[in-house]
Structures are given as structure tokens and as C-alpha cells.
Protein backbone atom coordinates (compact mmCIF):
# COMPACT_ATOMS: atom_id res chain seq x y z
CA UNK A 1 157.02 67.05 166.13
CA UNK A 2 158.84 68.04 162.95
CA UNK A 3 158.65 65.78 159.91
CA UNK A 4 161.45 63.22 159.41
CA UNK A 5 163.88 63.71 156.52
CA UNK A 6 164.83 61.20 153.85
CA UNK A 7 168.12 61.76 152.05
CA UNK A 8 168.66 59.88 148.77
CA UNK A 9 172.31 59.63 147.76
CA UNK A 10 173.66 58.71 144.35
CA UNK A 11 177.27 58.38 143.23
CA UNK A 12 177.91 61.68 141.48
CA UNK A 13 178.73 63.33 138.20
CA UNK A 14 180.95 66.10 136.85
CA UNK A 15 179.29 69.52 136.83
CA UNK A 16 179.99 69.65 133.11
CA UNK A 17 181.93 67.65 130.49
CA UNK A 18 184.82 70.14 130.56
CA UNK A 19 188.34 68.87 131.25
CA UNK A 20 188.52 70.82 134.52
CA UNK A 21 185.19 69.53 135.87
CA UNK A 22 185.87 65.93 134.84
CA UNK A 23 189.32 66.13 136.47
CA UNK A 24 187.76 67.54 139.64
CA UNK A 25 185.13 64.79 139.75
CA UNK A 26 187.56 61.95 139.05
CA UNK A 27 190.00 63.22 141.63
CA UNK A 28 187.41 63.43 144.39
CA UNK A 29 186.02 60.02 143.47
CA UNK A 30 189.32 58.16 143.11
CA UNK A 31 190.98 59.76 146.14
CA UNK A 32 188.36 58.15 148.34
CA UNK A 33 190.19 55.45 150.33
CA UNK A 34 187.16 53.19 150.02
CA UNK A 35 187.39 53.36 146.22
CA UNK A 36 191.14 52.90 145.80
CA UNK A 37 192.28 51.26 149.01
CA UNK A 38 196.02 51.87 148.96
CA UNK A 39 198.13 54.17 151.22
CA UNK A 40 197.27 57.82 150.74
CA UNK A 41 200.71 58.86 149.40
CA UNK A 42 200.63 56.29 146.62
CA UNK A 43 196.95 57.00 145.96
CA UNK A 44 197.77 60.69 145.53
CA UNK A 45 200.55 59.93 143.03
CA UNK A 46 198.40 57.45 141.11
CA UNK A 47 195.24 59.56 141.00
CA UNK A 48 196.47 63.14 140.77
CA UNK A 49 199.58 62.69 138.66
CA UNK A 50 198.71 59.69 136.49
CA UNK A 51 195.03 58.73 136.18
CA UNK A 52 193.27 62.11 136.24
CA UNK A 53 195.52 64.04 133.82
CA UNK A 54 195.20 61.24 131.26
CA UNK A 55 191.62 60.05 131.75
CA UNK A 56 190.08 63.50 132.02
CA UNK A 57 190.59 64.03 128.26
CA UNK A 58 189.05 60.73 127.17
CA UNK A 59 186.35 60.75 129.85
CA UNK A 60 185.48 64.34 128.96
CA UNK A 61 184.66 63.26 125.41
CA UNK A 62 182.44 60.46 126.69
CA UNK A 63 180.66 62.76 129.14
CA UNK A 64 180.12 65.26 126.33
CA UNK A 65 178.47 62.51 124.27
CA UNK A 66 176.37 61.55 127.30
CA UNK A 67 175.26 65.15 127.86
CA UNK A 68 174.28 65.48 124.18
CA UNK A 69 172.23 62.28 124.28
CA UNK A 70 170.49 63.45 127.47
CA UNK A 71 169.38 66.95 126.50
CA UNK A 72 172.46 68.82 127.64
CA UNK A 73 172.62 67.64 131.25
CA UNK A 74 173.74 64.74 133.39
CA UNK A 75 171.11 61.97 133.25
CA UNK A 76 172.20 60.70 136.67
CA UNK A 77 171.62 64.10 138.27
CA UNK A 78 168.38 64.69 136.37
CA UNK A 79 166.92 61.29 137.23
CA UNK A 80 167.86 61.56 140.91
CA UNK A 81 166.37 65.04 141.17
CA UNK A 82 163.13 63.92 139.48
CA UNK A 83 162.96 60.91 141.79
CA UNK A 84 163.18 63.10 144.90
CA UNK A 85 160.50 65.43 143.56
CA UNK A 86 158.12 62.57 142.78
CA UNK A 87 158.71 61.05 146.20
CA UNK A 88 157.83 64.33 147.87
CA UNK A 89 154.52 64.37 145.99
CA UNK A 90 153.78 60.65 146.45
CA UNK A 91 153.97 60.55 150.26
CA UNK A 92 153.74 62.90 153.22
CA UNK A 93 155.72 61.08 155.91
CA UNK A 94 159.15 62.43 154.92
CA UNK A 95 160.70 65.56 153.50
CA UNK A 96 162.78 64.09 150.67
CA UNK A 97 166.19 65.47 149.69
CA UNK A 98 168.90 64.21 147.34
CA UNK A 99 172.68 64.46 147.24
CA UNK A 100 175.67 63.11 145.36
CA UNK A 101 178.55 61.40 147.12
CA UNK A 102 180.96 63.22 144.82
CA UNK A 103 180.49 66.76 143.54
CA UNK A 104 177.15 68.59 143.55
CA UNK A 105 174.88 68.73 145.42
CA UNK A 106 177.16 67.49 148.16
CA UNK A 107 176.17 65.46 151.19
CA UNK A 108 177.54 68.26 153.38
CA UNK A 109 175.34 70.94 151.79
CA UNK A 110 172.22 68.78 151.92
CA UNK A 111 172.73 67.78 155.55
CA UNK A 112 173.12 71.46 156.43
CA UNK A 113 169.87 72.14 154.60
CA UNK A 114 168.13 69.29 156.42
CA UNK A 115 169.43 70.39 159.84
CA UNK A 116 167.71 73.75 159.40
CA UNK A 117 164.35 71.95 159.46
CA UNK A 118 165.25 70.27 162.78
CA UNK A 119 163.93 66.86 161.69
CA UNK A 120 162.75 64.36 164.28
CA UNK A 121 164.47 61.54 162.38
CA UNK A 122 166.84 61.18 159.46
CA UNK A 123 166.86 58.27 157.03
CA UNK A 124 169.74 57.97 154.56
CA UNK A 125 169.17 55.77 151.53
CA UNK A 126 172.14 55.29 149.18
CA UNK A 127 170.63 54.40 145.82
CA UNK A 128 172.88 51.33 145.51
CA UNK A 129 170.91 48.08 145.89
CA UNK A 130 173.98 46.00 146.76
CA UNK A 131 176.34 46.92 149.57
CA UNK A 132 179.93 47.72 148.68
CA UNK A 133 182.44 49.61 150.76
CA UNK A 134 183.19 51.83 147.76
CA UNK A 135 179.55 52.94 147.45
CA UNK A 136 177.24 52.54 150.46
CA UNK A 137 180.20 52.32 152.84
CA UNK A 138 181.62 55.56 151.52
CA UNK A 139 178.25 57.32 151.82
CA UNK A 140 177.93 56.22 155.44
CA UNK A 141 181.42 57.48 156.26
CA UNK A 142 180.72 60.87 154.71
CA UNK A 143 177.32 61.24 156.39
CA UNK A 144 178.77 60.24 159.77
CA UNK A 145 181.65 62.69 159.35
CA UNK A 146 179.33 65.60 158.62
CA UNK A 147 176.77 64.71 161.30
CA UNK A 148 179.52 64.41 163.90
CA UNK A 149 180.22 68.14 163.47
CA UNK A 150 176.65 69.04 164.48
CA UNK A 151 175.60 69.89 168.02
CA UNK A 152 172.24 68.18 167.50
CA UNK A 153 172.22 64.76 165.84
CA UNK A 154 168.74 63.44 165.06
CA UNK A 155 167.69 59.81 165.30
CA UNK A 156 169.47 58.33 162.33
CA UNK A 157 168.75 55.28 160.17
CA UNK A 158 171.05 54.14 157.36
CA UNK A 159 169.88 51.59 154.78
CA UNK A 160 172.90 49.61 153.61
CA UNK A 161 171.28 47.52 150.88
CA UNK A 162 167.95 46.41 149.45
CA UNK A 163 168.95 44.02 146.66
CA UNK A 164 166.28 41.46 147.49
CA UNK A 165 163.40 43.68 148.59
CA UNK A 166 160.25 42.49 146.78
CA UNK A 167 159.29 46.03 145.75
CA UNK A 168 162.75 46.60 144.23
CA UNK A 169 162.41 43.38 142.23
CA UNK A 170 158.88 44.42 141.22
CA UNK A 171 160.21 47.72 139.89
CA UNK A 172 162.67 45.90 137.60
CA UNK A 173 159.96 43.50 136.45
CA UNK A 174 157.86 46.54 135.59
CA UNK A 175 160.77 48.14 133.68
CA UNK A 176 161.19 44.95 131.66
CA UNK A 177 157.63 45.07 130.35
CA UNK A 178 158.78 47.21 127.41
CA UNK A 179 160.65 44.18 126.09
CA UNK A 180 159.47 40.74 125.01
CA UNK A 181 161.92 38.34 126.66
CA UNK A 182 161.15 35.55 124.18
CA UNK A 183 162.55 37.71 121.36
CA UNK A 184 166.08 37.30 122.76
CA UNK A 185 168.49 34.38 122.79
CA UNK A 186 170.01 35.42 126.11
CA UNK A 187 169.47 37.84 128.99
CA UNK A 188 172.63 39.34 130.48
CA UNK A 189 172.61 40.83 133.97
CA UNK A 190 175.56 43.22 133.84
CA UNK A 191 176.73 44.77 137.11
CA UNK A 192 179.41 47.32 137.88
CA UNK A 193 182.57 45.43 138.74
CA UNK A 194 184.68 45.59 141.88
CA UNK A 195 188.29 44.66 142.61
CA UNK A 196 188.46 41.07 143.86
CA UNK A 197 190.55 42.31 146.79
CA UNK A 198 187.64 44.48 147.99
CA UNK A 199 185.16 41.62 147.73
CA UNK A 200 187.53 39.38 149.71
CA UNK A 201 187.62 41.88 152.59
CA UNK A 202 184.00 41.07 153.42
CA UNK A 203 185.14 37.74 154.86
CA UNK A 204 186.97 36.91 158.06
CA UNK A 205 189.41 34.72 156.10
CA UNK A 206 189.78 37.42 153.40
CA UNK A 207 188.62 35.00 150.71
CA UNK A 208 185.41 35.07 148.66
CA UNK A 209 186.13 31.89 146.70
CA UNK A 210 184.41 28.84 148.09
CA UNK A 211 181.54 30.73 149.73
CA UNK A 212 178.95 29.52 147.16
CA UNK A 213 178.12 33.13 146.29
CA UNK A 214 176.76 32.25 142.86
CA UNK A 215 174.07 30.03 144.36
CA UNK A 216 172.94 31.21 147.80
CA UNK A 217 172.77 33.96 150.38
CA UNK A 218 173.86 32.88 153.84
CA UNK A 219 174.94 34.44 157.13
CA UNK A 220 178.53 34.73 155.93
CA UNK A 221 178.01 36.29 152.48
CA UNK A 222 175.00 38.52 153.23
CA UNK A 223 177.10 41.66 152.58
CA UNK A 224 179.16 40.17 149.75
CA UNK A 225 178.60 42.18 146.57
CA UNK A 226 179.12 39.13 144.40
CA UNK A 227 176.57 37.05 146.32
CA UNK A 228 173.93 39.78 146.35
CA UNK A 229 174.10 40.56 142.63
CA UNK A 230 173.65 36.87 141.81
CA UNK A 231 170.65 36.82 144.14
CA UNK A 232 169.09 39.88 142.50
CA UNK A 233 169.52 38.27 139.09
CA UNK A 234 167.94 35.06 140.29
CA UNK A 235 164.94 36.91 141.77
CA UNK A 236 164.29 38.99 138.64
CA UNK A 237 164.72 35.97 136.38
CA UNK A 238 162.28 33.97 138.50
CA UNK A 239 159.66 36.71 138.32
CA UNK A 240 160.05 36.97 134.53
CA UNK A 241 160.09 33.17 134.03
CA UNK A 242 163.59 33.25 132.55
CA UNK A 243 165.17 29.78 132.88
CA UNK A 244 168.68 29.55 134.29
CA UNK A 245 169.93 28.41 130.88
CA UNK A 246 168.81 31.68 129.32
CA UNK A 247 170.50 34.23 131.55
CA UNK A 248 174.03 35.02 132.71
CA UNK A 249 175.63 37.36 135.23
CA UNK A 250 178.64 39.48 134.30
CA UNK A 251 180.57 42.57 135.44
CA UNK A 252 181.39 45.76 133.54
CA UNK A 253 183.52 48.89 133.88
CA UNK A 254 186.65 47.16 135.12
CA UNK A 255 189.89 49.09 135.57
CA UNK A 256 192.17 46.02 135.71
CA UNK A 257 191.85 42.29 135.12
CA UNK A 258 191.89 41.67 138.89
CA UNK A 259 188.21 42.53 139.10
CA UNK A 260 185.14 40.31 139.35
CA UNK A 261 184.60 38.03 136.37
CA UNK A 262 183.22 37.24 133.87
CA UNK A 263 183.69 40.59 132.16
CA UNK A 264 180.64 41.85 130.29
CA UNK A 265 182.52 42.95 127.18
CA UNK A 266 184.27 39.58 126.84
CA UNK A 267 180.98 37.71 127.35
CA UNK A 268 179.22 39.77 124.69
CA UNK A 269 182.13 39.44 122.29
CA UNK A 270 181.96 35.64 122.53
CA UNK A 271 178.18 35.22 122.41
CA UNK A 272 177.70 35.32 118.61
CA UNK A 273 180.18 32.49 118.02
CA UNK A 274 178.00 30.25 120.20
CA UNK A 275 174.83 31.16 118.32
CA UNK A 276 173.61 33.88 120.69
CA UNK A 277 172.73 36.72 118.32
CA UNK A 278 170.03 38.64 120.23
CA UNK A 279 170.70 39.85 123.78
CA UNK A 280 168.75 41.86 126.34
CA UNK A 281 170.84 43.50 129.07
CA UNK A 282 169.70 44.41 132.57
CA UNK A 283 171.87 46.55 134.87
CA UNK A 284 170.21 46.26 138.28
CA UNK A 285 173.14 47.85 140.14
CA UNK A 286 172.24 51.17 138.51
CA UNK A 287 168.93 52.59 139.68
CA UNK A 288 169.36 55.64 137.43
CA UNK A 289 170.60 55.67 133.87
CA UNK A 290 174.12 57.03 133.58
CA UNK A 291 177.33 56.75 131.60
CA UNK A 292 177.61 53.02 132.33
CA UNK A 293 174.17 52.20 130.92
CA UNK A 294 173.64 54.76 128.17
CA UNK A 295 177.17 54.86 126.74
CA UNK A 296 178.97 51.73 127.92
CA UNK A 297 176.12 49.28 127.31
CA UNK A 298 173.93 51.18 124.85
CA UNK A 299 176.74 52.22 122.52
CA UNK A 300 180.13 50.61 123.24
CA UNK A 301 178.93 47.10 124.10
CA UNK A 302 176.30 47.18 121.37
CA UNK A 303 178.92 48.08 118.76
CA UNK A 304 181.23 45.35 120.08
CA UNK A 305 178.45 42.76 119.97
CA UNK A 306 177.37 43.67 116.43
CA UNK A 307 180.98 43.79 115.19
CA UNK A 308 181.45 40.20 116.35
CA UNK A 309 178.37 38.86 114.60
CA UNK A 310 175.52 39.79 116.91
CA UNK A 311 172.24 41.00 115.45
CA UNK A 312 170.48 42.83 118.27
CA UNK A 313 171.42 44.19 121.70
CA UNK A 314 168.93 46.14 123.78
CA UNK A 315 169.14 47.25 127.39
CA UNK A 316 166.38 47.66 129.92
CA UNK A 317 166.22 51.27 131.05
CA UNK A 318 167.05 51.87 134.69
CA UNK A 319 164.35 52.56 137.27
CA UNK A 320 165.07 56.31 137.11
CA UNK A 321 161.93 57.97 138.53
CA UNK A 322 159.29 55.47 137.44
CA UNK A 323 156.13 55.14 139.49
CA UNK A 324 157.09 51.58 140.44
CA UNK A 325 160.46 52.78 141.77
CA UNK A 326 158.86 55.60 143.73
CA UNK A 327 156.51 53.14 145.40
CA UNK A 328 159.40 50.72 145.97
CA UNK A 329 161.42 53.34 147.84
CA UNK A 330 158.46 54.13 150.07
CA UNK A 331 158.17 50.44 150.94
CA UNK A 332 161.92 50.00 151.42
CA UNK A 333 162.17 52.97 153.79
CA UNK A 334 159.14 51.86 155.77
CA UNK A 335 160.28 48.25 156.10
CA UNK A 336 163.98 48.58 156.84
């Protein structure tokens, strides 16, 4: 019997920081109905005629800075590629491949490559620990669309989330060992934000408020992004002996004010006035360092924090292709 295939999927990145490639990436990303969930006509007008022409200039400058800080290439692409290579060497049960949901290498091209090996089984692992329709949901839809075109469809397993898997938590605890927690006044767990409207859609009554998401996981909020990020934070904090009074959860990268709160930039801006001058930031939603960790947290948020009276802001590097993360993925795939 042929060896099963494991496909790792990350979000995506422009092929280069050029205006054209950033425009192309943003358009594919934002035209996804699971990312901006409005009627297609209005989404086309908003994305193609308003957002992309304007943001491609400013985003191109940021991506250029990111490329320069990362040796002339996308850190997200590099880290995902290295992860797949290390996984192929670390185990022999699966042929490991990687793809990006948006841009290159595409899910379509990688599934075509996998199909040539005629695998006995296919496991798809989106590298997003917490389920969201705009991330894991979108990956599933794209994989299902491409597989549906094939004459032969192998046994297929899709892993929607792994936010509380012990090996995933262990990998973050291992990443934190480079920092001495006691040297900081506060630990901030900063997650990528989502529109509140998308979080509400998880529930039958279309309402996240009142579901106790900050404090527990239950049968109703198991797939709620807000609930799962709070749980991840709690689990990491527990393992690192961080008391509840010394850590906070926040959300970054918002497009409007109708996104999950509190906002990371506002939290960091206000910290120094309350005597919090040294902060360590975790970003457990990102398993590979990218624009949101290297630039947004490492540069923009750090500058904001210092400008408002802070003394020190460090961030814990993402899991990238660490040995602990490689072993965690093996355990996640085998246990799900």
C-alpha cells in the first residue's frame, strides 16, 4: 500500500513585495467569501476598486521591510517549507507536503502533486491552532473543491483545530524558555482578530456574548475562536506558572472597530500609565513568524509601547520549524 500524504497549509504570502504581487495576493485573500462575508458584487467593488489599489502601496512597503529583515524572502513561506522538510526527515509514516491557501504554492498544485503518488490516505492540517471560518474553514472548502474534481478521492482526514493539544502547548512552553518570565511586569497573549459578526455565526442564536468564552470551553463554544484562544492562553500560562493577574488576552490586526476586543495596540498603549513597563508578548495563533509577529508586534507595537512610557517589549518567536513543533505535529496528526 502506498504511503499516506500529509498536507500542511498556511495562509499565504505575496510572491514578492512588488505592488503587482501584493495587489494579487490581497485580492485573492480578500475576495474569499469566508474572509469578507458580504455579497460578491459589493465584495468585488470593495476589494478590487477600493482596498487593493490603496493598500497595495502601503502593504508593499511593509512587505519590503519584512523581506529585508528575513534575508530577502517571505519568513512565512521559508518557515513552512523548512517545517515540511524536517517533518519528512523526522518520521516515515507520511509523505509531507506544504501549500498556501493564497498564492504559491497553491493547494491545487500540491494536491495534483500528491495525487500522482496515489496515496492510501490524505491528512490535511491547516497550521491554524484555532478554528475560524476565514482560515481553517476556507482551507477545507478549497481542498474539497479541488478533490471533487478528481476521479479517485483517497481516504481523507481534515484537522480543524488543535488549540488545546498538550504537544502544541508544550511547543510554546519550549519556545518561551528563551525568556525569563519574572523579568516582565505583564505577559500579553495577542491573537489575530476577527470580526465580531463572524464569531457570532458559530452560535445557533448568532450571539457570542453570554457564552462564558473567557472562562471555559463547553459543548456550545468548542468551535468559537474567542473561547479557544482564551483556553490556549490559560493552558500556556498554567504550564509557565503565570498567575492570572500577570497575563492578558488581546487581539491585533483589526480592520475596523467591530472586531474582537480588547485591541492589542490600545492595551499596550495604556499599560505604561498603570505601571506596566516591561511586557512579553506571545502570539499563539501564528505557528510561523510572519508580518503580524515580526513587523506588527516586533516593530510597530514596540515603538508604540516605548513612545507611551514603556521600557521593554519582547515577543516570543513563533514555533516555526523547531524540534518541539515537529514532534507536536506528529502527535497531533496521530491523535486526531
